[in-house]
Amino acid sequence: MTIALSITDVHVTLGHNHVLKGVSLDVRPGEFVTLLGASGSGKTTLLNVIAGLQAVDSGHLTFDGVSMERTPPQKRNVGVVFQSYALFPHMSVGENVAFPLRAARRPARERKSVAEEMLALVQLPGMAGRSPASLSGGQRQRVALARALAANPGILLLDEPMAALDKQLREQMQVEVTRIQRKVGITTVSVTHDQTEALTMSDRVAIMRDGILVQVDSPEDLYRHPVDEYVAGFLGEANLLPTAGGRILDDAAGAEVDGTAVVRPEDLELVPSGEACPAWHVEGAIHLLSFQGTRFRLELLTDGGRKVVCSLPPSIDASTLVVGERARVACRNPERVHVIAATPATAAMVAA
């Protein structure tokens, strides 16, 4: 069973802090949606609202059209994986996984069967008798996921599920958790501040800022077509450059700025000396060049004092790039340049 989740105009105040300010979000059955934002953006509070751990001041929350505002957490049919995993150290792995069924007074034989099935699902067969203390971080995370799925919930909530893992294991578990979610087909809402995690795992990503949903879209559309400069800068590295008439302005002082070009570093390439530049180009002095394994990272400082970052393939001849010398970079594919139209306020700010 999987559930359609609908959040409509939800407000939450904690003390004197207005944490959620009219948040609305619909999650389709079986969809994986990630709430992404900086600390204090309201994403964990929103997750707690869905779980029933946080009451709302106003607004509506429904599961398959049924109001949940007055439904206690234990009756919401929601599974939760916490950042700490919250495994019971005095119980075996199998007992941990079966705990929701034990709380529901299900027969012992059924509990054992479901625990074994869930452990096989998360690729931990034969581990039911182990102690949680004997497991690695990635294995404990899988046990926590198996426990959350054991009661066959309609919605799965993940609260910073990868935060305690090192980088390599985190990347492996992103793929593994996504595989399990797709196989089970469960509606999933996750919270993270890790942009790569959100892009890797999600059908859609909801960017939160100061208690407001700024943009909800597919990972690719968010990355390629951010609604404003905050989203552009928050979701991956981006060059944000003032524009006028389809060209980048280096020195925007006093100019008629009509927007901000969002150009990703990997969409820029070097323009050889003497070659004509495409419309979307920037010139400056090489400030920094660093080798990053699969790419070179080049930083230019324009005459107007703007930093422009370019990600170059390792096949380039790095010996031709000398710090302090001039270079030109350009985006040859205009479709890779996303222009955020300027409002009167932002245009005046950029041009000042």
Protein backbone atom coordinates (compact mmCIF):
# COMPACT_ATOMS: atom_id res chain seq x y z
CA MET A 1 0.00 0.00 0.00
CA THR A 2 1.23 3.48 -0.83
CA ILE A 3 -0.35 6.84 -0.05
CA ALA A 4 -0.84 10.22 -1.70
CA LEU A 5 0.27 12.99 0.65
CA SER A 6 -1.14 16.52 0.53
CA ILE A 7 0.03 19.49 2.61
CA THR A 8 -1.95 22.70 2.22
CA ASP A 9 -1.06 26.14 3.62
CA VAL A 10 0.55 24.77 6.79
CA HIS A 11 1.78 27.24 9.42
CA VAL A 12 3.81 26.27 12.49
CA THR A 13 5.07 28.61 15.21
CA LEU A 14 7.57 27.45 17.83
CA GLY A 15 7.87 29.99 20.61
CA HIS A 16 8.26 33.32 18.85
CA ASN A 17 9.64 31.71 15.70
CA HIS A 18 7.34 31.34 12.68
CA VAL A 19 8.94 28.14 11.36
CA LEU A 20 6.56 27.16 8.54
CA LYS A 21 4.88 29.97 6.62
CA GLY A 22 2.07 28.61 4.50
CA VAL A 23 3.76 25.51 3.10
CA SER A 24 1.85 23.54 0.43
CA LEU A 25 3.13 20.33 -1.15
CA ASP A 26 1.57 17.36 -2.91
CA VAL A 27 3.44 14.03 -3.08
CA ARG A 28 2.15 11.40 -5.47
CA PRO A 29 1.81 7.73 -4.47
CA GLY A 30 5.18 6.00 -4.76
CA GLU A 31 7.06 9.27 -5.34
CA PHE A 32 10.40 10.11 -3.66
CA VAL A 33 10.50 13.78 -2.63
CA THR A 34 13.42 15.35 -0.77
CA LEU A 35 13.15 18.48 1.38
CA LEU A 36 16.42 20.33 0.85
CA GLY A 37 17.54 23.45 2.66
CA ALA A 38 19.98 25.03 5.05
CA SER A 39 19.73 24.60 8.82
CA GLY A 40 16.70 26.45 10.13
CA SER A 41 14.81 26.37 6.83
CA GLY A 42 11.94 24.35 8.33
CA LYS A 43 12.48 21.02 6.58
CA THR A 44 12.68 18.87 9.74
CA THR A 45 9.65 20.63 11.22
CA LEU A 46 7.70 19.80 8.06
CA LEU A 47 8.78 16.16 8.32
CA ASN A 48 7.60 16.12 11.95
CA VAL A 49 4.24 17.52 10.87
CA ILE A 50 3.81 14.60 8.46
CA ALA A 51 4.85 12.11 11.16
CA GLY A 52 2.43 13.62 13.68
CA LEU A 53 5.23 14.71 16.02
CA GLN A 54 4.45 18.42 15.50
CA ALA A 55 1.01 20.03 15.60
CA VAL A 56 0.11 22.72 13.08
CA ASP A 57 -1.21 26.20 13.91
CA SER A 58 -3.28 26.19 10.73
CA GLY A 59 -3.49 24.42 7.41
CA HIS A 60 -4.34 20.90 6.34
CA LEU A 61 -2.56 17.55 6.05
CA THR A 62 -4.22 14.62 4.29
CA PHE A 63 -3.28 11.04 3.41
CA ASP A 64 -5.30 9.84 0.41
CA GLY A 65 -7.71 12.71 1.04
CA VAL A 66 -8.27 11.83 4.73
CA SER A 67 -7.46 14.58 7.23
CA MET A 68 -4.58 13.74 9.59
CA GLU A 69 -4.48 16.82 11.83
CA ARG A 70 -6.11 15.01 14.75
CA THR A 71 -4.63 11.57 14.09
CA PRO A 72 -1.90 10.49 16.57
CA PRO A 73 1.49 9.37 15.21
CA GLN A 74 0.95 5.67 15.94
CA LYS A 75 -2.19 5.62 13.79
CA ARG A 76 -0.80 7.41 10.73
CA ASN A 77 0.73 4.34 9.07
CA VAL A 78 4.08 6.10 8.70
CA GLY A 79 7.55 4.55 8.93
CA VAL A 80 10.44 6.74 10.08
CA VAL A 81 14.21 6.32 9.76
CA PHE A 82 15.97 8.72 12.12
CA GLN A 83 19.45 10.18 11.67
CA SER A 84 20.68 8.23 14.71
CA TYR A 85 18.90 5.03 13.48
CA ALA A 86 17.53 4.64 17.07
CA LEU A 87 18.13 0.88 17.22
CA PHE A 88 17.51 -0.82 20.57
CA PRO A 89 20.94 -2.03 21.80
CA HIS A 90 19.45 -4.76 24.06
CA MET A 91 17.58 -6.36 21.15
CA SER A 92 18.94 -8.46 18.32
CA VAL A 93 18.80 -7.22 14.74
CA GLY A 94 15.75 -9.41 14.08
CA GLU A 95 13.98 -8.17 17.20
CA ASN A 96 14.66 -4.57 16.19
CA VAL A 97 13.17 -5.12 12.74
CA ALA A 98 10.14 -6.92 14.18
CA PHE A 99 9.51 -4.35 16.91
CA PRO A 100 6.66 -2.51 15.10
CA LEU A 101 4.86 -5.85 14.68
CA ARG A 102 5.44 -6.71 18.31
CA ALA A 103 3.93 -3.37 19.33
CA ALA A 104 0.94 -4.24 17.14
CA ARG A 105 0.65 -7.60 18.96
CA ARG A 106 1.26 -9.67 15.84
CA PRO A 107 2.07 -13.40 16.33
CA ALA A 108 5.69 -14.38 16.96
CA ARG A 109 5.87 -16.56 13.85
CA GLU A 110 4.69 -13.68 11.66
CA ARG A 111 7.16 -11.30 13.29
CA LYS A 112 10.05 -13.64 12.58
CA SER A 113 8.96 -14.21 8.98
CA VAL A 114 8.56 -10.49 8.25
CA ALA A 115 11.90 -9.66 9.90
CA GLU A 116 13.68 -12.22 7.71
CA GLU A 117 11.90 -10.89 4.62
CA MET A 118 12.84 -7.28 5.38
CA LEU A 119 16.46 -8.16 6.12
CA ALA A 120 16.67 -9.96 2.79
CA LEU A 121 15.19 -6.88 1.10
CA VAL A 122 17.98 -4.67 2.51
CA GLN A 123 20.57 -7.32 1.64
CA LEU A 124 21.28 -8.45 5.21
CA PRO A 125 20.07 -12.08 5.09
CA GLY A 126 21.01 -14.27 8.02
CA MET A 127 21.77 -11.28 10.28
CA ALA A 128 18.69 -11.54 12.53
CA GLY A 129 20.64 -12.95 15.48
CA ARG A 130 23.38 -10.30 15.41
CA SER A 131 23.68 -7.45 17.89
CA PRO A 132 23.31 -3.89 16.52
CA ALA A 133 26.65 -3.06 18.17
CA SER A 134 28.41 -5.58 15.91
CA LEU A 135 27.24 -3.88 12.71
CA SER A 136 28.88 -1.21 10.58
CA GLY A 137 27.22 2.18 10.07
CA GLY A 138 25.84 1.18 6.71
CA GLN A 139 24.45 -2.08 8.10
CA ARG A 140 22.77 -0.27 11.01
CA GLN A 141 21.17 2.10 8.52
CA ARG A 142 19.79 -0.87 6.57
CA VAL A 143 18.39 -2.39 9.76
CA ALA A 144 16.67 0.91 10.59
CA LEU A 145 15.20 0.97 7.07
CA ALA A 146 14.05 -2.65 7.38
CA ARG A 147 12.35 -1.83 10.69
CA ALA A 148 10.59 1.18 9.17
CA LEU A 149 9.26 -1.00 6.33
CA ALA A 150 8.30 -4.00 8.48
CA ALA A 151 4.80 -2.74 9.30
CA ASN A 152 4.09 -2.04 5.61
CA PRO A 153 3.60 1.73 6.06
CA GLY A 154 1.95 3.90 3.42
CA ILE A 155 4.58 6.64 3.79
CA LEU A 156 8.30 6.41 4.58
CA LEU A 157 10.03 9.39 6.22
CA LEU A 158 13.84 9.70 6.19
CA ASP A 159 15.41 12.24 8.56
CA GLU A 160 18.99 12.98 7.38
CA PRO A 161 19.49 9.23 6.79
CA MET A 162 23.07 9.51 5.43
CA ALA A 163 24.46 12.15 7.78
CA ALA A 164 26.38 9.72 10.01
CA LEU A 165 28.14 7.94 7.12
CA ASP A 166 31.48 8.73 5.50
CA LYS A 167 31.51 9.97 1.91
CA GLN A 168 32.14 6.67 0.14
CA LEU A 169 29.58 4.74 2.19
CA ARG A 170 27.10 7.60 1.88
CA GLU A 171 27.28 7.40 -1.91
CA GLN A 172 26.81 3.63 -1.85
CA MET A 173 23.81 3.90 0.46
CA GLN A 174 22.18 6.59 -1.66
CA VAL A 175 22.01 4.09 -4.50
CA GLU A 176 20.95 1.23 -2.22
CA VAL A 177 18.14 3.12 -0.46
CA THR A 178 16.85 4.37 -3.82
CA ARG A 179 16.85 0.76 -5.12
CA ILE A 180 14.82 -0.41 -2.13
CA GLN A 181 12.38 2.49 -2.37
CA ARG A 182 11.78 1.82 -6.07
CA LYS A 183 11.31 -1.91 -5.43
CA VAL A 184 8.81 -1.40 -2.60
CA GLY A 185 7.12 1.51 -4.38
CA ILE A 186 6.47 3.42 -1.16
CA THR A 187 5.73 7.15 -0.98
CA THR A 188 8.87 8.67 0.54
CA VAL A 189 9.75 12.07 1.96
CA SER A 190 13.37 12.65 2.93
CA VAL A 191 15.16 15.54 4.66
CA THR A 192 18.74 16.48 3.86
CA HIS A 193 21.10 19.41 3.50
CA ASP A 194 23.28 17.43 1.06
CA GLN A 195 22.65 18.60 -2.53
CA THR A 196 24.22 15.54 -4.15
CA GLU A 197 22.08 13.22 -2.05
CA ALA A 198 18.92 15.11 -3.05
CA LEU A 199 19.79 15.06 -6.75
CA THR A 200 20.76 11.38 -6.71
CA MET A 201 17.79 9.91 -4.87
CA SER A 202 14.75 12.04 -5.66
CA ASP A 203 11.96 12.16 -8.21
CA ARG A 204 11.45 15.75 -7.12
CA VAL A 205 13.30 18.11 -4.77
CA ALA A 206 11.62 20.79 -2.66
CA ILE A 207 13.94 23.69 -1.84
CA MET A 208 13.09 25.33 1.48
CA ARG A 209 14.21 28.72 2.76
CA ASP A 210 13.03 30.48 5.94
CA GLY A 211 9.92 28.33 6.27
CA ILE A 212 8.84 28.68 2.65
CA LEU A 213 8.98 26.28 -0.29
CA VAL A 214 10.94 28.24 -2.88
CA GLN A 215 10.81 25.72 -5.75
CA VAL A 216 9.65 22.13 -6.20
CA ASP A 217 10.82 20.37 -9.34
CA SER A 218 12.73 17.43 -10.78
CA PRO A 219 16.47 17.40 -9.95
CA GLU A 220 17.42 18.25 -13.53
CA ASP A 221 14.93 21.10 -13.88
CA LEU A 222 16.00 22.56 -10.54
CA TYR A 223 19.64 22.42 -11.60
CA ARG A 224 19.04 23.77 -15.11
CA HIS A 225 16.17 26.20 -14.47
CA PRO A 226 16.37 27.60 -10.92
CA VAL A 227 13.61 30.06 -10.12
CA ASP A 228 15.95 32.52 -8.40
CA GLU A 229 19.58 33.10 -7.45
CA TYR A 230 19.17 31.39 -4.07
CA VAL A 231 18.17 28.09 -5.67
CA ALA A 232 20.88 28.46 -8.33
CA GLY A 233 23.59 28.97 -5.75
CA PHE A 234 22.30 26.44 -3.26
CA LEU A 235 21.93 23.53 -5.68
CA GLY A 236 25.46 22.99 -6.93
CA GLU A 237 28.09 25.52 -7.96
CA ALA A 238 26.92 28.24 -10.33
CA ASN A 239 28.27 31.39 -11.94
CA LEU A 240 25.70 34.16 -11.45
CA LEU A 241 26.42 36.97 -13.89
CA PRO A 242 24.43 40.10 -14.79
CA THR A 243 23.11 40.25 -18.35
CA ALA A 244 21.84 42.77 -20.88
CA GLY A 245 20.61 42.03 -24.39
CA GLY A 246 21.67 38.39 -24.39
CA ARG A 247 25.22 39.06 -23.23
CA ILE A 248 27.09 38.89 -19.94
CA LEU A 249 27.98 42.21 -18.34
CA ASP A 250 31.27 42.27 -16.51
CA ASP A 251 30.91 45.77 -15.15
CA ALA A 252 27.19 46.32 -14.53
CA ALA A 253 27.55 49.73 -12.87
CA GLY A 254 25.02 52.10 -14.43
CA ALA A 255 23.96 49.50 -17.02
CA GLU A 256 20.45 48.41 -17.94
CA VAL A 257 20.55 44.96 -16.34
CA ASP A 258 17.77 42.69 -17.61
CA GLY A 259 18.61 39.50 -15.74
CA THR A 260 21.11 37.15 -14.17
CA ALA A 261 22.72 34.40 -16.23
CA VAL A 262 23.11 31.07 -14.45
CA VAL A 263 26.05 29.23 -16.02
CA ARG A 264 27.30 25.99 -14.51
CA PRO A 265 31.12 25.52 -14.41
CA GLU A 266 30.96 22.36 -16.52
CA ASP A 267 29.20 24.27 -19.33
CA LEU A 268 32.10 26.68 -19.81
CA GLU A 269 35.14 25.96 -21.97
CA LEU A 270 38.30 27.80 -22.90
CA VAL A 271 38.26 29.93 -26.07
CA PRO A 272 41.62 29.80 -27.88
CA SER A 273 43.40 33.08 -28.52
CA GLY A 274 42.36 34.61 -31.82
CA GLU A 275 39.10 32.69 -32.05
CA ALA A 276 35.82 34.60 -32.10
CA CYS A 277 33.86 34.30 -28.86
CA PRO A 278 30.23 33.15 -28.65
CA ALA A 279 27.74 35.61 -27.17
CA TRP A 280 27.91 34.04 -23.72
CA HIS A 281 31.57 34.57 -22.83
CA VAL A 282 33.68 36.03 -20.03
CA GLU A 283 37.27 37.25 -19.99
CA GLY A 284 39.60 37.69 -17.05
CA ALA A 285 42.87 36.85 -15.35
CA ILE A 286 43.56 33.31 -14.21
CA HIS A 287 43.31 33.37 -10.42
CA LEU A 288 43.55 29.68 -9.54
CA LEU A 289 44.01 26.35 -11.31
CA SER A 290 43.63 23.07 -9.44
CA PHE A 291 43.61 19.44 -10.54
CA GLN A 292 40.66 17.46 -9.15
CA GLY A 293 41.17 14.03 -10.68
CA THR A 294 38.52 13.97 -13.37
CA ARG A 295 38.58 17.72 -14.03
CA PHE A 296 40.64 20.89 -13.71
CA ARG A 297 39.01 23.70 -11.75
CA LEU A 298 39.81 27.09 -13.23
CA GLU A 299 38.96 30.36 -11.53
CA LEU A 300 39.02 33.65 -13.41
CA LEU A 301 38.82 37.13 -11.96
CA THR A 302 37.18 39.51 -14.39
CA ASP A 303 38.15 43.17 -14.72
CA GLY A 304 34.93 43.96 -12.86
CA GLY A 305 36.08 41.87 -9.90
CA ARG A 306 33.77 38.89 -10.45
CA LYS A 307 34.94 35.32 -9.87
CA VAL A 308 34.04 32.88 -12.64
CA VAL A 309 34.55 29.14 -12.16
CA CYS A 310 35.12 26.80 -15.07
CA SER A 311 35.38 22.99 -14.94
CA LEU A 312 37.74 21.76 -17.64
CA PRO A 313 38.44 18.22 -18.89
CA PRO A 314 41.76 16.60 -17.89
CA SER A 315 42.74 16.43 -21.56
CA ILE A 316 43.62 20.15 -21.63
CA ASP A 317 47.26 21.19 -21.61
CA ALA A 318 47.45 22.73 -18.14
CA SER A 319 50.95 24.09 -18.84
CA THR A 320 49.38 26.73 -21.08
CA LEU A 321 47.36 28.11 -18.17
CA VAL A 322 49.44 30.41 -15.98
CA VAL A 323 48.13 32.24 -12.94
CA GLY A 324 47.91 35.95 -13.67
CA GLU A 325 47.63 35.58 -17.45
CA ARG A 326 44.48 36.38 -19.42
CA ALA A 327 41.97 33.77 -20.55
CA ARG A 328 38.52 33.62 -22.08
CA VAL A 329 35.80 31.10 -21.31
CA ALA A 330 32.45 30.70 -23.03
CA CYS A 331 29.30 28.63 -23.12
CA ARG A 332 28.89 27.51 -26.71
CA ASN A 333 25.43 26.02 -26.14
CA PRO A 334 22.93 28.84 -25.43
CA GLU A 335 20.46 26.28 -24.04
CA ARG A 336 22.85 25.73 -21.15
CA VAL A 337 22.50 29.37 -20.08
CA HIS A 338 19.48 30.04 -17.87
CA VAL A 339 18.56 33.70 -17.43
CA ILE A 340 16.63 34.75 -14.35
CA ALA A 341 14.70 37.89 -15.28
CA ALA A 342 15.58 40.89 -13.15
CA THR A 343 13.02 42.56 -10.96
CA PRO A 344 13.34 46.35 -10.50
CA ALA A 345 14.86 45.77 -7.06
CA THR A 346 17.44 43.21 -8.14
CA ALA A 347 18.37 45.17 -11.27
CA ALA A 348 19.07 48.26 -9.21
CA MET A 349 21.09 46.22 -6.72
CA VAL A 350 23.28 44.63 -9.41
CA ALA A 351 23.81 47.86 -11.30
CA ALA A 352 24.74 49.87 -8.23
